[in-house]
Protein backbone atom coordinates (compact mmCIF):
# COMPACT_ATOMS: atom_id res chain seq x y z
CA PHE A 1 -23.68 -122.46 52.50
CA ASN A 2 -21.73 -125.46 51.87
CA THR A 3 -18.83 -126.64 54.44
CA ALA A 4 -16.29 -126.26 51.88
CA GLY A 5 -13.25 -124.98 54.04
CA SER A 6 -13.38 -127.82 55.98
CA MET A 7 -14.33 -130.60 53.31
CA GLY A 8 -11.78 -129.83 50.43
CA ILE A 9 -14.58 -129.18 47.91
CA ASN A 10 -13.11 -127.64 44.69
CA ALA A 11 -12.41 -123.89 43.70
CA GLU A 12 -15.92 -124.75 41.17
CA ASN A 13 -17.99 -125.90 43.41
CA ILE A 14 -17.41 -123.21 46.26
CA ARG A 15 -18.18 -120.71 43.44
CA LEU A 16 -21.30 -122.57 42.62
CA ASP A 17 -22.19 -122.88 46.24
CA PHE A 18 -21.89 -119.18 46.89
CA GLY A 19 -23.86 -118.50 43.75
CA ARG A 20 -26.60 -120.70 44.93
CA ALA A 21 -26.44 -119.28 48.37
CA GLN A 22 -26.94 -115.52 47.08
CA GLN A 23 -29.80 -116.64 45.04
CA ARG A 24 -31.48 -118.24 47.98
CA LYS A 25 -30.84 -115.29 49.90
CA THR A 26 -32.58 -113.04 47.52
CA ALA A 27 -35.44 -115.16 47.16
CA VAL A 28 -36.17 -115.35 50.64
CA VAL A 29 -35.51 -111.44 51.45
CA THR A 30 -38.14 -110.81 48.91
CA GLN A 31 -40.27 -113.59 50.20
CA LEU A 32 -40.55 -111.87 53.77
CA ARG A 33 -40.71 -108.53 52.43
CA LYS A 34 -43.67 -109.17 50.54
CA GLY A 35 -45.30 -111.22 53.03
CA ILE A 36 -44.74 -107.96 55.34
CA GLU A 37 -46.42 -105.68 52.74
CA SER A 38 -49.14 -108.06 52.50
CA ILE A 39 -49.82 -108.38 56.41
CA LEU A 40 -49.98 -104.37 56.44
CA LYS A 41 -52.15 -103.78 53.84
CA LYS A 42 -54.49 -106.38 54.90
CA ARG A 43 -54.50 -104.58 57.86
CA GLY A 44 -55.59 -101.21 56.74
CA VAL A 45 -51.69 -99.98 56.99
CA ASP A 46 -50.59 -97.21 54.49
CA ILE A 47 -47.52 -97.37 53.34
CA VAL A 48 -45.19 -94.36 51.74
CA ILE A 49 -42.16 -94.90 50.24
CA GLY A 50 -39.42 -92.16 50.83
CA ARG A 51 -37.35 -90.38 53.15
CA GLY A 52 -38.70 -89.45 56.42
CA ARG A 53 -37.81 -86.42 58.64
CA LEU A 54 -39.49 -84.64 61.81
CA GLY A 55 -40.78 -81.55 60.61
CA SER A 56 -41.69 -80.54 64.03
CA GLU A 57 -43.48 -82.55 67.06
CA ARG A 58 -46.48 -83.67 65.43
CA SER A 59 -45.37 -84.04 62.06
CA VAL A 60 -43.17 -85.81 59.34
CA LEU A 61 -42.15 -84.71 55.97
CA VAL A 62 -42.02 -87.57 53.14
CA ASN A 63 -40.42 -86.12 49.94
CA ASP A 64 -43.44 -83.56 49.51
CA GLN A 65 -45.67 -84.46 51.63
CA THR A 66 -46.30 -83.29 55.44
CA ILE A 67 -48.03 -86.44 57.29
CA GLY A 68 -49.56 -85.59 60.67
CA PHE A 69 -49.62 -88.12 63.67
CA ASP A 70 -50.75 -88.14 67.23
CA HIS A 71 -48.31 -90.72 68.19
CA CYS A 72 -44.84 -91.81 66.17
CA ILE A 73 -42.17 -94.48 66.59
CA LEU A 74 -38.87 -93.88 65.51
CA ALA A 75 -36.93 -97.10 64.00
CA VAL A 76 -34.52 -95.44 61.87
CA GLY A 77 -31.76 -98.14 62.43
CA SER A 78 -28.32 -97.66 62.38
CA HIS A 79 -25.04 -97.88 60.01
CA PRO A 80 -21.71 -99.70 60.39
CA ILE A 81 -18.85 -97.36 61.97
CA ASP A 82 -16.29 -96.09 59.66
CA LEU A 83 -12.38 -96.08 60.23
CA PRO A 84 -10.48 -93.14 59.72
CA GLY A 85 -8.41 -93.49 56.37
CA ILE A 86 -10.48 -97.06 55.77
CA ALA A 87 -13.25 -95.90 53.20
CA VAL A 88 -15.80 -98.51 52.61
CA ASN A 89 -16.29 -98.79 48.91
CA GLU A 90 -18.60 -101.92 48.71
CA SER A 91 -16.26 -103.89 46.53
CA GLY A 92 -13.32 -104.60 48.29
CA ILE A 93 -13.17 -102.88 51.51
CA VAL A 94 -17.22 -103.64 52.27
CA SER A 95 -19.59 -103.49 55.04
CA ASN A 96 -21.63 -106.40 56.26
CA LYS A 97 -24.06 -105.44 53.69
CA GLY A 98 -21.73 -105.06 50.82
CA ILE A 99 -20.03 -108.79 51.63
CA LEU A 100 -23.31 -110.25 50.87
CA SER A 101 -23.55 -109.19 47.13
CA LEU A 102 -19.72 -110.22 46.51
CA PRO A 103 -19.73 -111.89 42.85
CA ALA A 104 -17.76 -114.31 44.34
CA VAL A 105 -15.99 -115.92 47.18
CA PRO A 106 -12.77 -113.85 48.06
CA ALA A 107 -9.37 -116.35 48.16
CA ARG A 108 -8.47 -114.06 51.12
CA LEU A 109 -10.56 -112.08 53.65
CA LEU A 110 -9.52 -109.35 56.64
CA VAL A 111 -12.06 -109.17 58.70
CA ILE A 112 -10.96 -105.89 60.81
CA GLY A 113 -13.28 -106.31 64.01
CA GLY A 114 -13.92 -109.44 66.28
CA GLY A 115 -17.31 -109.04 67.25
CA VAL A 116 -20.72 -110.99 66.33
CA ILE A 117 -20.37 -109.50 62.87
CA GLY A 118 -17.00 -109.93 62.41
CA CYS A 119 -16.78 -113.70 64.00
CA GLU A 120 -20.40 -114.92 61.68
CA PHE A 121 -18.71 -113.76 58.48
CA ALA A 122 -15.22 -115.24 59.30
CA ASP A 123 -17.12 -118.23 59.89
CA MET A 124 -19.28 -118.05 56.75
CA PHE A 125 -16.37 -117.39 54.59
CA GLU A 126 -14.20 -120.01 55.52
CA CYS A 127 -16.58 -122.49 54.96
CA CYS A 128 -16.90 -121.49 51.42
CA GLY A 129 -13.55 -121.69 50.94
CA SER A 130 -11.72 -118.31 52.03
CA ARG A 131 -8.70 -117.55 53.93
CA VAL A 132 -9.89 -115.33 56.57
CA THR A 133 -7.80 -113.39 59.27
CA ILE A 134 -9.53 -111.18 61.72
CA VAL A 135 -7.66 -108.45 63.57
CA GLU A 136 -9.25 -107.34 66.67
CA ALA A 137 -8.04 -104.51 68.75
CA THR A 138 -9.17 -105.78 72.08
CA GLY A 139 -7.83 -108.49 74.08
CA SER A 140 -10.51 -111.00 72.72
CA LEU A 141 -13.42 -112.28 70.24
CA LEU A 142 -16.70 -111.40 71.22
CA PRO A 143 -16.00 -108.83 73.98
CA GLY A 144 -18.35 -109.01 76.87
CA GLU A 145 -18.86 -112.55 76.19
CA ASP A 146 -18.46 -115.76 78.97
CA PRO A 147 -14.58 -115.91 78.37
CA ASP A 148 -14.74 -119.78 78.69
CA CYS A 149 -17.58 -119.76 74.99
CA VAL A 150 -15.19 -117.44 73.53
CA ARG A 151 -12.15 -120.09 74.64
CA MET A 152 -14.05 -122.63 72.28
CA LEU A 153 -14.62 -120.38 69.31
CA ALA A 154 -11.07 -119.64 69.25
CA ALA A 155 -10.14 -122.93 69.60
CA ASP A 156 -12.14 -123.81 66.81
CA PHE A 157 -11.27 -121.17 64.53
CA LYS A 158 -7.41 -121.99 64.96
CA LYS A 159 -8.41 -125.85 64.23
CA ARG A 160 -9.83 -124.43 60.82
CA GLY A 161 -7.05 -122.01 60.01
CA ILE A 162 -8.81 -118.73 60.76
CA GLY A 163 -6.30 -116.47 62.50
CA VAL A 164 -6.92 -114.25 65.13
CA MET A 165 -5.08 -111.25 65.79
CA THR A 166 -6.08 -109.62 69.07
CA GLU A 167 -4.67 -106.45 70.46
CA THR A 168 -4.21 -105.05 67.44
CA ARG A 169 -5.09 -102.49 64.87
CA VAL A 170 -5.15 -101.76 60.83
CA ASP A 171 -3.71 -98.45 60.79
CA ALA A 172 -3.86 -98.12 57.75
CA VAL A 173 -5.20 -99.62 54.04
CA HIS A 174 -3.41 -99.52 50.60
CA LYS A 175 -4.46 -100.94 47.37
CA GLN A 176 -1.87 -103.12 45.44
CA ALA A 177 -1.26 -102.79 41.57
CA ASP A 178 -3.11 -106.41 41.50
CA GLY A 179 -6.19 -105.41 42.88
CA THR A 180 -5.52 -106.45 46.11
CA TYR A 181 -5.27 -104.66 49.62
CA GLU A 182 -2.64 -104.34 52.03
CA ALA A 183 -3.47 -103.65 55.52
CA VAL A 184 -0.71 -102.18 57.68
CA LEU A 185 -1.09 -103.61 61.41
CA SER A 186 -0.47 -101.64 64.59
CA SER A 187 1.90 -104.87 65.08
CA GLY A 188 4.44 -103.67 62.41
CA GLU A 189 3.18 -106.91 60.37
CA THR A 190 1.17 -106.28 56.88
CA ALA A 191 -1.95 -108.75 55.74
CA ARG A 192 -2.68 -109.11 52.26
CA ALA A 193 -6.47 -109.85 51.08
CA GLU A 194 -8.28 -109.83 48.03
CA VAL A 195 -11.08 -108.26 50.33
CA ILE A 196 -11.58 -106.36 53.52
CA LEU A 197 -15.09 -106.42 55.76
CA VAL A 198 -15.10 -103.32 58.00
CA ALA A 199 -16.88 -104.86 61.49
CA VAL A 200 -16.20 -102.47 64.30
CA GLY A 201 -19.71 -101.99 65.44
CA ARG A 202 -22.92 -99.57 64.37
CA ARG A 203 -23.79 -96.18 65.23
CA PRO A 204 -27.63 -94.81 65.33
CA ASN A 205 -29.08 -93.06 62.47
CA ILE A 206 -29.58 -89.48 64.13
CA ALA A 207 -28.39 -87.19 61.53
CA ASP A 208 -30.70 -85.84 58.57
CA CYS A 209 -34.11 -87.20 60.41
CA GLY A 210 -34.69 -83.82 61.99
CA ILE A 211 -34.10 -85.78 65.39
CA PRO A 212 -31.52 -83.39 67.19
CA GLU A 213 -33.63 -79.96 65.54
CA THR A 214 -37.14 -81.32 66.79
CA GLY A 215 -35.52 -80.99 70.49
CA ILE A 216 -35.54 -84.84 71.06
CA VAL A 217 -32.68 -85.85 73.59
CA CYS A 218 -30.09 -87.73 72.41
CA THR A 219 -26.88 -89.11 74.47
CA ARG A 220 -23.52 -90.09 72.96
CA GLY A 221 -25.39 -90.38 69.30
CA LYS A 222 -28.50 -92.34 71.03
CA ILE A 223 -32.03 -91.40 71.49
CA ASP A 224 -32.92 -91.44 75.34
CA VAL A 225 -36.24 -93.07 76.05
CA ASP A 226 -38.48 -94.11 79.15
CA GLU A 227 -38.90 -97.15 80.24
CA HIS A 228 -41.91 -97.43 77.86
CA MET A 229 -39.78 -96.24 74.92
CA GLN A 230 -41.23 -93.13 75.11
CA THR A 231 -38.28 -89.72 73.77
CA SER A 232 -38.41 -86.46 75.57
CA ILE A 233 -41.19 -85.37 73.42
CA PRO A 234 -44.66 -86.88 74.88
CA GLY A 235 -46.04 -89.02 71.93
CA ILE A 236 -42.91 -89.27 70.13
CA TYR A 237 -41.05 -93.05 70.77
CA ALA A 238 -37.92 -94.40 69.56
CA VAL A 239 -36.96 -98.54 69.36
CA GLY A 240 -34.13 -100.66 68.07
CA ASP A 241 -30.84 -99.50 67.31
CA ALA A 242 -31.69 -95.64 67.44
CA VAL A 243 -32.17 -96.41 71.02
CA GLY A 244 -28.74 -98.69 70.89
CA LYS A 245 -30.15 -100.96 73.82
CA THR A 246 -28.56 -104.17 72.41
CA PHE A 247 -28.75 -103.50 68.16
CA LEU A 248 -30.33 -106.76 68.08
CA ALA A 249 -33.76 -107.17 65.70
CA HIS A 250 -35.65 -109.14 68.00
CA THR A 251 -35.09 -106.54 70.46
CA ALA A 252 -36.24 -103.71 68.25
CA SER A 253 -39.49 -105.88 67.43
CA HIS A 254 -40.07 -106.45 71.30
CA GLU A 255 -39.78 -102.61 71.82
CA GLY A 256 -41.83 -101.82 68.98
CA ILE A 257 -44.44 -103.86 70.72
CA SER A 258 -44.26 -102.75 74.18
CA VAL A 259 -44.80 -99.24 72.80
CA VAL A 260 -48.12 -100.07 71.17
CA GLU A 261 -49.05 -101.73 74.58
CA HIS A 262 -47.79 -98.82 76.55
CA LEU A 263 -50.55 -96.62 74.31
CA ALA A 264 -53.48 -99.30 74.73
CA GLY A 265 -52.88 -98.55 78.26
CA ASN A 266 -50.72 -101.39 79.32
CA LYS A 267 -47.38 -100.56 81.35
CA ALA A 268 -45.32 -103.39 81.12
CA ALA A 269 -41.54 -101.70 80.55
CA VAL A 270 -39.23 -104.31 78.17
CA ARG A 271 -36.86 -106.23 80.60
CA TYR A 272 -33.52 -106.22 78.48
CA GLU A 273 -32.06 -108.65 81.17
CA ALA A 274 -34.61 -111.22 79.37
CA ILE A 275 -33.68 -110.95 75.73
CA PRO A 276 -31.14 -113.78 74.52
CA ARG A 277 -28.14 -112.81 72.06
CA CYS A 278 -26.53 -115.38 69.80
CA VAL A 279 -23.82 -116.11 67.97
CA TYR A 280 -24.29 -117.87 64.53
CA THR A 281 -20.70 -119.72 63.82
CA GLN A 282 -20.42 -123.66 63.72
CA VAL A 283 -19.78 -123.50 67.57
CA GLN A 284 -22.80 -121.59 68.28
CA ILE A 285 -22.80 -119.23 71.13
CA ALA A 286 -25.72 -117.61 72.84
CA GLY A 287 -26.43 -115.79 76.45
CA VAL A 288 -29.03 -114.03 78.18
CA GLY A 289 -28.92 -112.06 81.08
CA LEU A 290 -25.81 -111.44 83.07
CA SER A 291 -22.70 -113.69 82.24
CA GLU A 292 -20.45 -115.30 85.41
CA HIS A 293 -17.85 -112.64 84.69
CA GLN A 294 -20.63 -109.35 84.64
CA ALA A 295 -22.16 -110.69 87.78
CA ARG A 296 -18.76 -110.72 89.74
CA GLU A 297 -17.76 -107.35 88.65
CA LYS A 298 -21.24 -106.31 89.92
CA GLY A 299 -20.05 -107.54 93.46
CA ILE A 300 -23.31 -110.16 93.34
CA ASP A 301 -22.51 -113.02 95.51
CA LEU A 302 -23.41 -115.91 93.00
CA LYS A 303 -23.22 -119.81 92.49
CA THR A 304 -23.06 -121.32 88.72
CA GLY A 305 -23.88 -124.68 87.63
CA LYS A 306 -22.40 -126.24 84.36
CA PHE A 307 -22.94 -128.89 82.27
CA PRO A 308 -20.55 -130.10 79.09
CA PHE A 309 -22.31 -131.51 75.94
CA THR A 310 -19.39 -134.52 76.39
CA ALA A 311 -21.86 -135.97 79.18
CA SER A 312 -24.96 -135.76 76.52
CA GLY A 313 -25.92 -138.50 74.81
CA LYS A 314 -27.60 -136.64 72.16
CA ALA A 315 -24.96 -134.50 71.32
CA LEU A 316 -22.52 -137.27 71.06
CA ILE A 317 -24.50 -139.34 68.41
CA GLU A 318 -24.89 -135.93 66.45
CA GLY A 319 -21.09 -135.35 66.46
CA SER A 320 -21.10 -132.39 68.31
CA GLY A 321 -19.71 -133.46 71.72
CA GLN A 322 -18.05 -129.85 72.47
CA GLY A 323 -19.28 -126.95 74.32
CA PHE A 324 -21.55 -126.24 77.77
CA ILE A 325 -24.59 -125.02 79.41
CA LYS A 326 -23.65 -122.17 82.59
CA ILE A 327 -26.43 -121.40 84.74
CA ILE A 328 -25.51 -118.07 87.00
CA THR A 329 -27.62 -117.89 89.88
CA GLU A 330 -27.93 -115.38 92.93
CA ALA A 331 -26.49 -117.46 96.01
CA GLN A 332 -29.14 -116.29 98.53
CA THR A 333 -31.83 -116.46 96.47
CA ASP A 334 -31.25 -119.07 93.80
CA ALA A 335 -32.99 -116.35 91.41
CA ILE A 336 -31.07 -117.62 87.91
CA ILE A 337 -29.95 -114.34 86.99
CA GLY A 338 -27.66 -115.28 83.62
CA ALA A 339 -26.55 -118.09 81.34
CA SER A 340 -23.97 -118.72 78.60
CA LEU A 341 -24.18 -121.46 76.33
CA CYS A 342 -21.60 -122.84 73.81
CA GLY A 343 -22.22 -125.76 71.45
CA PRO A 344 -24.57 -127.45 69.12
CA GLU A 345 -28.28 -125.82 68.79
CA VAL A 346 -27.77 -123.33 72.00
CA THR A 347 -29.41 -120.62 69.72
CA GLU A 348 -32.27 -122.93 70.31
CA LEU A 349 -31.94 -124.00 73.78
CA VAL A 350 -31.07 -120.50 75.20
CA HIS A 351 -35.04 -119.61 74.92
CA GLU A 352 -35.60 -121.57 78.02
CA LEU A 353 -33.55 -119.85 79.97
CA SER A 354 -35.09 -116.59 78.68
CA VAL A 355 -38.67 -117.80 80.00
CA ALA A 356 -37.00 -118.83 83.27
CA ILE A 357 -35.45 -115.28 83.90
CA SER A 358 -38.49 -113.31 82.82
CA SER A 359 -40.63 -115.65 85.20
CA GLY A 360 -37.72 -115.15 88.17
CA MET A 361 -37.47 -118.86 88.24
CA ARG A 362 -35.10 -120.40 90.89
CA SER A 363 -32.74 -123.12 89.34
CA ALA A 364 -33.78 -125.58 91.69
CA GLN A 365 -37.17 -125.16 90.21
CA LEU A 366 -35.48 -125.70 86.53
CA ALA A 367 -33.99 -129.03 87.65
CA SER A 368 -37.22 -130.39 88.49
CA ILE A 369 -38.89 -130.23 85.26
CA VAL A 370 -38.48 -133.55 83.74
CA HIS A 371 -36.66 -133.22 80.22
CA ALA A 372 -37.29 -135.61 77.48
CA HIS A 373 -34.18 -138.39 77.07
CA PRO A 374 -32.58 -138.03 74.67
CA THR A 375 -32.44 -134.68 73.83
CA LEU A 376 -29.91 -131.25 73.84
CA SER A 377 -32.16 -129.51 76.07
CA GLU A 378 -31.53 -131.96 79.03
CA ALA A 379 -28.30 -130.04 79.33
CA VAL A 380 -30.45 -127.41 80.51
CA MET A 381 -32.13 -129.43 83.49
CA GLU A 382 -28.79 -131.13 84.23
CA ALA A 383 -26.93 -127.30 84.50
CA ALA A 384 -29.68 -126.19 86.72
CA GLU A 385 -28.78 -129.25 88.77
CA SER A 386 -25.31 -128.68 88.88
CA VAL A 387 -26.20 -125.35 90.58
CA HIS A 388 -26.15 -127.30 94.04
CA GLY A 389 -24.44 -130.38 92.72
CA LYS A 390 -27.25 -132.89 92.15
CA ALA A 391 -25.91 -133.37 88.41
CA ILE A 392 -26.51 -137.04 88.14
CA HIS A 393 -24.51 -137.47 84.79
CA ILE A 394 -21.34 -135.51 85.66
CA PHE A 395 -19.07 -136.06 88.63
């Protein structure tokens, strides 16, 4: 997508860019799908197209076919949560799937939900020229992420004209005679838009899969699993959104690999504290493990180190000096238990900290690793040095 909203590109060019982006999306998805199908076939995997349903503890029904198994992995995914009285029609009121198939960029976009999905699409469509407003029921965007990171994102949104209304609900939506939608807000205000994106979370696809009927234990709409992803029925495993640990694609993939490793006799369990989470907005946000706020809520005696990108030569050269890297450690052991990142390419930089947490690394060890200069990743080393007040490029 071209940064049309901030560069003043005319409406026709915005439409052309949006059309090219949709064509590129279709081409990439097709290429990836064909690649995966080719790999599966070369490895001797039979593919059956259809809707599957557990018929028993050792069989799946697909169309009119019964397929027996010794072991089964349930990877049924999730679907967007609906709001009462606001029916998604995938044309004017859309989900995160329908918004990718819009025929044109809407002049105004109202986003219900200020989580990761809502923020990413708000960012994207502002770049394409939409006037965007986000309505979030809680007191902040990205609930659960580091407040310092969220403040930087909110400031960027304000600078770009993306409206953010927190502690506000959408009570009703009415279609107008001109085809637009009017949203009635809990504040008593109204908001008009050509398109409304409902992005208030996702719910596991438990219904109509035979999961409860087979006797698999579920809690609050999620499949219960043990440390090896096995359900209450031996031999049946569940991964991904159906388990609802993080609702991230890379988590689901890792969980699936862990199941196969378990079946092969390897007992390593998934370490969720080392799984990174990323927000792909222009001001990128990433995190792994506990945030500072979460660690304090748990009563952990902690120390933090923080390094701003304003002190990074590489970031300044690239014109991306906003943001920081924050490392959270356990005070007594110096073990790294979390990190929060905001700024240029932090969705790439976060993995060094995932490795640190996974390997039980201390911040002093990370600080001792020589990083090339000039690089953005130097900020990771400097943040680790900052835990003990030894960062030399900040005072």
